[in-house]
């Protein structure tokens, strides 16, 4: 299983690194750290990762898309959004964390589908594409081959949810136990939506 982790300037570190910790534990997982142009890519926290230039995805692969401050400009970057649309078509599954769902929404691939995002940035994300059926209360949402999560750490719960869906709940629980992670495994439970509204 090829898993492509998409990097861009000013992404949120935990959006990628949290799910990566779990996804690389899928038996046979082959991790690829990629970006539009390749090279060193900094996170919002100043964490640099050396990436490969992404041309195309292998068949039935996974594409992991983070959020972060960098998404604010990228939703208007026609080259990036155009390439992301192609990659989304090539992937077997797309997993978007936090405001990464705004990038996916900008491609039009989420039109008419249920999706969610970071509740602190929810109105901005919704403004990117009103044709998406945005869910204001959800830890993560699955719509066919698309998974979207709420903010930052929610991507870890979503990743385990994906693993449970595709490889069985026992593996997801085994990974959570091995990493000493308390998995919030109910996608409809979203305590932070209420806190964001206060």
C-alpha atoms as a PDB file:
ATOM      1  CA  UNK A   1       0.000   0.000   0.000  1.00  0.00           C
ATOM      2  CA  UNK A   2       1.518   3.311  -1.133  1.00  0.00           C
ATOM      3  CA  UNK A   3       0.717   6.214   1.190  1.00  0.00           C
ATOM      4  CA  UNK A   4       1.515   9.684  -0.138  1.00  0.00           C
ATOM      5  CA  UNK A   5       1.874  12.369   2.535  1.00  0.00           C
ATOM      6  CA  UNK A   6       1.497  15.772   0.918  1.00  0.00           C
ATOM      7  CA  UNK A   7       3.678  18.607   2.233  1.00  0.00           C
ATOM      8  CA  UNK A   8       3.374  22.327   1.510  1.00  0.00           C
ATOM      9  CA  UNK A   9       4.832  25.429   3.131  1.00  0.00           C
ATOM     10  CA  UNK A  10       3.324  26.358   6.496  1.00  0.00           C
ATOM     11  CA  UNK A  11       1.385  23.130   7.022  1.00  0.00           C
ATOM     12  CA  UNK A  12       0.448  22.123  10.583  1.00  0.00           C
ATOM     13  CA  UNK A  13       3.000  19.581  11.839  1.00  0.00           C
ATOM     14  CA  UNK A  14       0.659  17.301  13.825  1.00  0.00           C
ATOM     15  CA  UNK A  15      -1.827  17.199  10.934  1.00  0.00           C
ATOM     16  CA  UNK A  16       0.680  15.019   9.083  1.00  0.00           C
ATOM     17  CA  UNK A  17       2.899  13.498  11.752  1.00  0.00           C
ATOM     18  CA  UNK A  18       0.048  12.200  13.907  1.00  0.00           C
ATOM     19  CA  UNK A  19      -1.639  10.204  11.121  1.00  0.00           C
ATOM     20  CA  UNK A  20       1.765   9.154   9.739  1.00  0.00           C
ATOM     21  CA  UNK A  21       2.567   7.505  13.083  1.00  0.00           C
ATOM     22  CA  UNK A  22      -0.498   5.285  12.666  1.00  0.00           C
ATOM     23  CA  UNK A  23      -0.640   4.798   8.899  1.00  0.00           C
ATOM     24  CA  UNK A  24       2.936   3.563   8.610  1.00  0.00           C
ATOM     25  CA  UNK A  25       1.931   0.684  10.903  1.00  0.00           C
ATOM     26  CA  UNK A  26      -0.437  -0.735   8.284  1.00  0.00           C
ATOM     27  CA  UNK A  27       1.125  -4.034   7.153  1.00  0.00           C
ATOM     28  CA  UNK A  28       2.899  -3.470   3.846  1.00  0.00           C
ATOM     29  CA  UNK A  29       2.614   0.322   4.016  1.00  0.00           C
ATOM     30  CA  UNK A  30       5.122   2.196   1.827  1.00  0.00           C
ATOM     31  CA  UNK A  31       5.365   5.834   2.905  1.00  0.00           C
ATOM     32  CA  UNK A  32       6.109   8.625   0.421  1.00  0.00           C
ATOM     33  CA  UNK A  33       6.810  12.181   1.589  1.00  0.00           C
ATOM     34  CA  UNK A  34       5.926  14.395  -1.347  1.00  0.00           C
ATOM     35  CA  UNK A  35       5.225  17.961  -2.452  1.00  0.00           C
ATOM     36  CA  UNK A  36       4.409  19.849  -5.625  1.00  0.00           C
ATOM     37  CA  UNK A  37       8.033  20.757  -6.392  1.00  0.00           C
ATOM     38  CA  UNK A  38      10.042  18.528  -4.046  1.00  0.00           C
ATOM     39  CA  UNK A  39      12.813  19.623  -1.694  1.00  0.00           C
ATOM     40  CA  UNK A  40      12.766  20.850   1.894  1.00  0.00           C
ATOM     41  CA  UNK A  41       9.317  21.940   3.082  1.00  0.00           C
ATOM     42  CA  UNK A  42       8.798  23.780   6.408  1.00  0.00           C
ATOM     43  CA  UNK A  43       5.827  23.304   8.686  1.00  0.00           C
ATOM     44  CA  UNK A  44       4.207  26.204  10.547  1.00  0.00           C
ATOM     45  CA  UNK A  45       6.319  25.202  13.545  1.00  0.00           C
ATOM     46  CA  UNK A  46       9.554  25.338  11.520  1.00  0.00           C
ATOM     47  CA  UNK A  47       9.953  21.590  11.120  1.00  0.00           C
ATOM     48  CA  UNK A  48      11.649  20.830   7.767  1.00  0.00           C
ATOM     49  CA  UNK A  49      11.113  17.641   5.770  1.00  0.00           C
ATOM     50  CA  UNK A  50      12.899  16.599   2.596  1.00  0.00           C
ATOM     51  CA  UNK A  51      10.249  15.672   0.028  1.00  0.00           C
ATOM     52  CA  UNK A  52      10.080  14.124  -3.406  1.00  0.00           C
ATOM     53  CA  UNK A  53       8.351  15.882  -6.292  1.00  0.00           C
ATOM     54  CA  UNK A  54       4.949  14.283  -6.789  1.00  0.00           C
ATOM     55  CA  UNK A  55       4.100  13.457 -10.391  1.00  0.00           C
ATOM     56  CA  UNK A  56       1.391  10.825 -10.058  1.00  0.00           C
ATOM     57  CA  UNK A  57       0.043   8.350  -7.534  1.00  0.00           C
ATOM     58  CA  UNK A  58       0.112   4.588  -7.840  1.00  0.00           C
ATOM     59  CA  UNK A  59      -3.138   2.666  -8.191  1.00  0.00           C
ATOM     60  CA  UNK A  60      -5.256   2.231  -5.032  1.00  0.00           C
ATOM     61  CA  UNK A  61      -2.943   4.458  -2.997  1.00  0.00           C
ATOM     62  CA  UNK A  62      -3.739   6.774  -0.088  1.00  0.00           C
ATOM     63  CA  UNK A  63      -3.298  10.549  -0.264  1.00  0.00           C
ATOM     64  CA  UNK A  64      -2.930  12.325   3.106  1.00  0.00           C
ATOM     65  CA  UNK A  65      -3.552  16.095   3.016  1.00  0.00           C
ATOM     66  CA  UNK A  66      -2.784  18.278   6.058  1.00  0.00           C
ATOM     67  CA  UNK A  67      -4.172  21.679   6.949  1.00  0.00           C
ATOM     68  CA  UNK A  68      -2.519  24.693   8.508  1.00  0.00           C
ATOM     69  CA  UNK A  69      -1.898  28.349   7.748  1.00  0.00           C
ATOM     70  CA  UNK A  70      -0.504  27.485   4.333  1.00  0.00           C
ATOM     71  CA  UNK A  71      -3.949  26.469   3.121  1.00  0.00           C
ATOM     72  CA  UNK A  72      -5.140  30.102   3.131  1.00  0.00           C
ATOM     73  CA  UNK A  73      -3.082  30.975   0.093  1.00  0.00           C
ATOM     74  CA  UNK A  74      -3.111  27.579  -1.578  1.00  0.00           C
ATOM     75  CA  UNK A  75      -6.890  27.547  -2.085  1.00  0.00           C
ATOM     76  CA  UNK A  76      -6.258  30.346  -4.641  1.00  0.00           C
ATOM     77  CA  UNK A  77      -3.225  28.666  -6.269  1.00  0.00           C
ATOM     78  CA  UNK A  78      -4.626  27.336  -9.544  1.00  0.00           C
ATOM     79  CA  UNK A  79      -1.602  25.164 -10.327  1.00  0.00           C
ATOM     80  CA  UNK A  80      -1.636  23.482  -6.927  1.00  0.00           C
ATOM     81  CA  UNK A  81      -5.412  22.962  -6.863  1.00  0.00           C
ATOM     82  CA  UNK A  82      -5.339  21.598 -10.411  1.00  0.00           C
ATOM     83  CA  UNK A  83      -2.649  19.084  -9.525  1.00  0.00           C
ATOM     84  CA  UNK A  84      -4.442  18.176  -6.295  1.00  0.00           C
ATOM     85  CA  UNK A  85      -7.578  17.406  -8.311  1.00  0.00           C
ATOM     86  CA  UNK A  86      -5.546  15.029 -10.493  1.00  0.00           C
ATOM     87  CA  UNK A  87      -3.966  13.346  -7.477  1.00  0.00           C
ATOM     88  CA  UNK A  88      -7.365  12.967  -5.807  1.00  0.00           C
ATOM     89  CA  UNK A  89      -8.632  11.184  -8.929  1.00  0.00           C
ATOM     90  CA  UNK A  90      -5.625   8.864  -8.905  1.00  0.00           C
ATOM     91  CA  UNK A  91      -5.843   7.974  -5.219  1.00  0.00           C
ATOM     92  CA  UNK A  92      -7.851   5.093  -3.890  1.00  0.00           C
ATOM     93  CA  UNK A  93      -8.591   7.139  -0.769  1.00  0.00           C
ATOM     94  CA  UNK A  94      -8.059  10.777   0.225  1.00  0.00           C
ATOM     95  CA  UNK A  95      -7.636  11.684   3.889  1.00  0.00           C
ATOM     96  CA  UNK A  96      -7.799  15.430   4.602  1.00  0.00           C
ATOM     97  CA  UNK A  97      -6.988  16.760   8.061  1.00  0.00           C
ATOM     98  CA  UNK A  98      -8.246  20.071   9.483  1.00  0.00           C
ATOM     99  CA  UNK A  99      -8.257  22.852   6.847  1.00  0.00           C
ATOM    100  CA  UNK A 100      -6.795  20.383   4.376  1.00  0.00           C
ATOM    101  CA  UNK A 101     -10.459  19.762   3.592  1.00  0.00           C
ATOM    102  CA  UNK A 102     -10.617  23.322   2.222  1.00  0.00           C
ATOM    103  CA  UNK A 103      -7.942  22.401  -0.328  1.00  0.00           C
ATOM    104  CA  UNK A 104      -9.860  19.294  -1.313  1.00  0.00           C
ATOM    105  CA  UNK A 105     -13.085  21.310  -1.487  1.00  0.00           C
ATOM    106  CA  UNK A 106     -11.415  23.840  -3.802  1.00  0.00           C
ATOM    107  CA  UNK A 107     -10.893  21.045  -6.354  1.00  0.00           C
ATOM    108  CA  UNK A 108     -14.651  20.420  -6.503  1.00  0.00           C
ATOM    109  CA  UNK A 109     -14.168  16.762  -5.581  1.00  0.00           C
ATOM    110  CA  UNK A 110     -16.260  17.160  -2.426  1.00  0.00           C
ATOM    111  CA  UNK A 111     -19.244  18.771  -4.161  1.00  0.00           C
ATOM    112  CA  UNK A 112     -22.452  17.267  -2.803  1.00  0.00           C
ATOM    113  CA  UNK A 113     -20.560  15.155  -0.262  1.00  0.00           C
ATOM    114  CA  UNK A 114     -20.493  15.366   3.518  1.00  0.00           C
ATOM    115  CA  UNK A 115     -17.264  16.741   4.980  1.00  0.00           C
ATOM    116  CA  UNK A 116     -15.952  18.534   8.043  1.00  0.00           C
ATOM    117  CA  UNK A 117     -13.004  20.649   9.154  1.00  0.00           C
ATOM    118  CA  UNK A 118     -11.461  22.550  12.058  1.00  0.00           C
ATOM    119  CA  UNK A 119     -14.299  24.209  13.952  1.00  0.00           C
ATOM    120  CA  UNK A 120     -12.173  27.291  14.723  1.00  0.00           C
ATOM    121  CA  UNK A 121     -11.809  27.850  10.963  1.00  0.00           C
ATOM    122  CA  UNK A 122     -15.140  26.385   9.944  1.00  0.00           C
ATOM    123  CA  UNK A 123     -16.723  29.504   8.433  1.00  0.00           C
ATOM    124  CA  UNK A 124     -13.636  30.187   6.327  1.00  0.00           C
ATOM    125  CA  UNK A 125     -13.548  26.595   5.102  1.00  0.00           C
ATOM    126  CA  UNK A 126     -17.260  26.723   4.258  1.00  0.00           C
ATOM    127  CA  UNK A 127     -16.664  29.929   2.277  1.00  0.00           C
ATOM    128  CA  UNK A 128     -14.198  28.123   0.022  1.00  0.00           C
ATOM    129  CA  UNK A 129     -16.947  25.952  -1.469  1.00  0.00           C
ATOM    130  CA  UNK A 130     -20.588  26.118  -0.425  1.00  0.00           C
ATOM    131  CA  UNK A 131     -21.438  23.122  -2.635  1.00  0.00           C
ATOM    132  CA  UNK A 132     -19.984  20.803   0.004  1.00  0.00           C
ATOM    133  CA  UNK A 133     -22.349  19.429   2.661  1.00  0.00           C
ATOM    134  CA  UNK A 134     -20.283  20.745   5.569  1.00  0.00           C
ATOM    135  CA  UNK A 135     -20.905  19.014   8.904  1.00  0.00           C
ATOM    136  CA  UNK A 136     -20.530  21.446  11.832  1.00  0.00           C
ATOM    137  CA  UNK A 137     -20.512  18.660  14.431  1.00  0.00           C
ATOM    138  CA  UNK A 138     -18.248  15.724  13.537  1.00  0.00           C
ATOM    139  CA  UNK A 139     -14.857  14.487  14.679  1.00  0.00           C
ATOM    140  CA  UNK A 140     -14.390  13.040  11.211  1.00  0.00           C
ATOM    141  CA  UNK A 141     -16.572  12.196   8.227  1.00  0.00           C
ATOM    142  CA  UNK A 142     -16.364   9.472   5.622  1.00  0.00           C
ATOM    143  CA  UNK A 143     -17.966  10.069   2.225  1.00  0.00           C
ATOM    144  CA  UNK A 144     -17.067   7.147  -0.007  1.00  0.00           C
ATOM    145  CA  UNK A 145     -13.328   7.323  -0.667  1.00  0.00           C
ATOM    146  CA  UNK A 146     -12.965  10.725   1.031  1.00  0.00           C
ATOM    147  CA  UNK A 147     -12.249  11.150   4.728  1.00  0.00           C
ATOM    148  CA  UNK A 148     -12.140  14.606   6.347  1.00  0.00           C
ATOM    149  CA  UNK A 149     -11.450  15.474   9.969  1.00  0.00           C
ATOM    150  CA  UNK A 150     -11.862  18.295  12.414  1.00  0.00           C
ATOM    151  CA  UNK A 151      -8.836  20.156  13.760  1.00  0.00           C
ATOM    152  CA  UNK A 152      -5.253  18.941  14.151  1.00  0.00           C
ATOM    153  CA  UNK A 153      -5.379  15.972  16.582  1.00  0.00           C
ATOM    154  CA  UNK A 154      -8.684  14.832  15.043  1.00  0.00           C
ATOM    155  CA  UNK A 155      -6.645  13.598  12.102  1.00  0.00           C
ATOM    156  CA  UNK A 156      -5.217  10.897  14.338  1.00  0.00           C
ATOM    157  CA  UNK A 157      -8.697   9.655  15.246  1.00  0.00           C
ATOM    158  CA  UNK A 158      -9.645   9.754  11.562  1.00  0.00           C
ATOM    159  CA  UNK A 159      -6.544   7.785  10.572  1.00  0.00           C
ATOM    160  CA  UNK A 160      -7.430   5.061  13.049  1.00  0.00           C
ATOM    161  CA  UNK A 161     -11.015   5.176  11.782  1.00  0.00           C
ATOM    162  CA  UNK A 162      -9.730   4.656   8.248  1.00  0.00           C
ATOM    163  CA  UNK A 163      -7.580   1.750   9.385  1.00  0.00           C
ATOM    164  CA  UNK A 164     -10.584   0.207  11.178  1.00  0.00           C
ATOM    165  CA  UNK A 165     -12.746   0.571   8.060  1.00  0.00           C
ATOM    166  CA  UNK A 166     -10.207  -0.858   5.637  1.00  0.00           C
ATOM    167  CA  UNK A 167      -8.138  -3.274   7.729  1.00  0.00           C
ATOM    168  CA  UNK A 168     -10.401  -4.091  10.673  1.00  0.00           C
ATOM    169  CA  UNK A 169     -11.046  -2.619  14.099  1.00  0.00           C
ATOM    170  CA  UNK A 170      -8.649  -5.040  15.839  1.00  0.00           C
ATOM    171  CA  UNK A 171      -5.684  -3.542  13.965  1.00  0.00           C
ATOM    172  CA  UNK A 172      -6.805   0.017  14.773  1.00  0.00           C
ATOM    173  CA  UNK A 173      -7.123  -0.849  18.468  1.00  0.00           C
ATOM    174  CA  UNK A 174      -3.785  -2.663  18.422  1.00  0.00           C
ATOM    175  CA  UNK A 175      -2.070   0.419  16.961  1.00  0.00           C
ATOM    176  CA  UNK A 176      -3.757   2.738  19.463  1.00  0.00           C
ATOM    177  CA  UNK A 177      -2.702   0.494  22.358  1.00  0.00           C
ATOM    178  CA  UNK A 178       0.866   0.116  21.109  1.00  0.00           C
ATOM    179  CA  UNK A 179       1.264   3.894  20.803  1.00  0.00           C
ATOM    180  CA  UNK A 180      -0.527   4.484  24.154  1.00  0.00           C
ATOM    181  CA  UNK A 181      -3.150   6.616  22.399  1.00  0.00           C
ATOM    182  CA  UNK A 182      -6.710   7.043  23.671  1.00  0.00           C
ATOM    183  CA  UNK A 183      -8.637   6.707  20.431  1.00  0.00           C
ATOM    184  CA  UNK A 184     -11.865   8.712  20.225  1.00  0.00           C
ATOM    185  CA  UNK A 185     -13.527   6.215  17.899  1.00  0.00           C
ATOM    186  CA  UNK A 186     -16.965   7.803  17.543  1.00  0.00           C
ATOM    187  CA  UNK A 187     -16.844  10.054  14.457  1.00  0.00           C
ATOM    188  CA  UNK A 188     -20.093  11.830  15.325  1.00  0.00           C
ATOM    189  CA  UNK A 189     -18.846  12.883  18.778  1.00  0.00           C
ATOM    190  CA  UNK A 190     -17.317  16.369  18.534  1.00  0.00           C
ATOM    191  CA  UNK A 191     -16.792  18.040  21.899  1.00  0.00           C
ATOM    192  CA  UNK A 192     -14.703  20.780  20.308  1.00  0.00           C
ATOM    193  CA  UNK A 193     -17.544  21.994  18.077  1.00  0.00           C
ATOM    194  CA  UNK A 194     -19.375  23.083  21.224  1.00  0.00           C
ATOM    195  CA  UNK A 195     -16.263  24.706  22.678  1.00  0.00           C
ATOM    196  CA  UNK A 196     -15.628  26.606  19.439  1.00  0.00           C
ATOM    197  CA  UNK A 197     -19.158  27.966  19.545  1.00  0.00           C
ATOM    198  CA  UNK A 198     -18.759  29.313  23.114  1.00  0.00           C
END
